[in-house]
Protein backbone atom coordinates (compact mmCIF):
# COMPACT_ATOMS: atom_id res chain seq x y z
CA GLN A 1 141.30 136.29 88.57
CA VAL A 2 144.18 135.70 85.91
CA LYS A 3 147.44 137.39 86.84
CA PHE A 4 151.00 137.29 85.61
CA VAL A 5 153.99 139.04 87.34
CA GLU A 6 157.12 139.42 85.31
CA SER A 7 160.77 139.85 86.83
CA GLY A 8 164.31 139.78 85.98
CA GLY A 9 164.87 142.45 83.57
CA GLY A 10 167.66 145.14 83.59
CA LEU A 11 170.44 146.86 81.83
CA VAL A 12 172.93 144.70 80.04
CA GLN A 13 175.73 145.18 77.57
CA PRO A 14 175.65 143.68 74.02
CA GLY A 15 176.33 140.14 74.14
CA GLY A 16 175.19 139.63 77.76
CA SER A 17 172.59 137.46 79.26
CA LEU A 18 169.34 137.78 81.25
CA ARG A 19 166.73 135.43 82.70
CA LEU A 20 163.29 136.65 82.93
CA SER A 21 160.78 134.93 85.23
CA CYS A 22 156.95 134.96 85.18
CA ALA A 23 154.71 134.01 88.01
CA ALA A 24 151.28 132.91 86.83
CA SER A 25 148.09 132.98 88.84
CA VAL A 26 145.70 130.99 86.57
CA SER A 27 143.71 127.89 86.59
CA ALA A 28 144.96 124.82 84.79
CA PHE A 29 148.20 126.59 84.09
CA ARG A 30 149.78 123.34 82.96
CA LEU A 31 147.25 123.04 80.13
CA LEU A 32 148.08 126.48 78.74
CA PRO A 33 150.31 127.44 75.99
CA MET A 34 152.28 130.13 77.37
CA GLY A 35 154.17 133.04 75.44
CA TRP A 36 156.70 135.71 76.12
CA TYR A 37 155.90 138.93 74.40
CA ARG A 38 157.83 142.11 74.02
CA GLN A 39 157.00 145.65 72.96
CA ALA A 40 159.70 148.10 71.98
CA PRO A 41 159.00 151.91 72.07
CA GLY A 42 156.71 152.96 69.17
CA LYS A 43 156.09 149.37 68.11
CA GLN A 44 153.45 146.86 68.58
CA ARG A 45 153.78 144.02 70.98
CA GLU A 46 155.13 140.73 69.56
CA LEU A 47 155.30 137.22 70.55
CA VAL A 48 158.93 136.16 70.78
CA ALA A 49 158.74 132.53 72.28
CA ARG A 50 155.95 130.15 72.83
CA ILE A 51 155.82 126.97 74.91
CA PRO A 52 152.90 124.74 74.49
CA SER A 53 151.60 122.49 77.23
CA ALA A 54 153.07 119.30 75.81
CA SER A 55 155.13 120.03 72.62
CA SER A 56 158.30 121.83 71.68
CA PRO A 57 158.78 125.50 72.03
CA THR A 58 158.79 127.81 69.14
CA TYR A 59 160.62 131.26 68.60
CA ALA A 60 160.46 134.18 66.52
CA ASP A 61 163.33 134.50 63.85
CA SER A 62 164.76 137.33 65.59
CA VAL A 63 165.50 135.32 68.68
CA THR A 64 165.93 131.76 67.57
CA ASP A 65 169.28 130.29 68.86
CA ARG A 66 169.60 133.04 71.39
CA PHE A 67 166.62 132.76 73.55
CA THR A 68 165.26 129.65 75.49
CA ILE A 69 161.59 129.58 77.11
CA SER A 70 160.91 126.93 79.67
CA ARG A 71 158.18 126.36 82.35
CA ASP A 72 157.77 124.86 85.69
CA ASN A 73 154.25 123.74 85.85
CA ALA A 74 154.26 122.72 89.74
CA LYS A 75 155.29 126.39 90.33
CA LYS A 76 153.14 127.89 87.69
CA MET A 77 156.24 129.64 86.43
CA VAL A 78 157.63 130.52 82.93
CA TYR A 79 161.03 131.54 82.12
CA LEU A 80 162.90 133.24 79.37
CA GLN A 81 166.73 132.77 79.16
CA MET A 82 168.08 135.39 76.82
CA ASN A 83 171.65 135.12 75.54
CA SER A 84 173.84 137.17 73.09
CA LEU A 85 171.55 140.05 73.81
CA LYS A 86 171.41 142.73 71.13
CA PRO A 87 170.36 146.37 71.33
CA GLU A 88 167.27 145.54 69.12
CA ASP A 89 166.12 143.34 72.09
CA THR A 90 165.61 146.33 74.15
CA ALA A 91 161.90 146.32 75.07
CA VAL A 92 159.40 145.74 78.02
CA TYR A 93 158.86 141.86 78.17
CA TYR A 94 155.61 140.31 79.14
CA CYS A 95 154.17 136.89 79.72
CA ASN A 96 150.65 135.66 78.83
CA ARG A 97 148.87 132.85 77.49
CA ASP A 98 149.26 132.27 73.59
CA PRO A 99 146.92 133.51 72.36
CA PRO A 100 146.53 136.24 75.09
CA TYR A 101 143.50 136.45 77.16
CA THR A 102 141.04 138.86 75.47
CA ASN A 103 140.70 140.81 78.79
CA SER A 104 143.48 143.43 78.61
CA GLY A 105 143.66 143.51 82.36
CA THR A 106 145.44 140.21 82.15
CA TRP A 107 148.65 141.95 81.23
CA GLY A 108 151.10 142.31 83.93
CA GLN A 109 153.44 145.51 84.34
CA GLY A 110 156.13 143.78 82.27
CA THR A 111 159.85 143.86 82.93
CA GLN A 112 162.16 146.32 81.22
CA VAL A 113 165.22 144.83 79.27
CA THR A 114 167.64 147.35 78.02
CA VAL A 115 170.62 146.34 76.09
CA SER A 116 173.29 149.05 75.68
CA SER A 117 176.88 149.75 76.08
């Protein structure tokens, strides 16, 4: 059964930092391209960072140079270091394979990130 559990969100002031973690329960994790997604109120879920199994990460333009995605294959973990946070980064953040599994049940609860003064 595929499962992702996100953690590390919270309330932070503009310019602050957070580190999100994702624990994956999935076979052959090391072979999977993984992504961090976010969904803001009233908006569609969007991919913000992607890390393939064996090549360089890529980022949405809105987070380039501020966010860093990384992974630990031995621990089946994916991380998102978020720096210089902006109010527009406020969203629920999720991790999943990229592209996501077609079974909607693979989405975790996500972790809320709120950037506000």
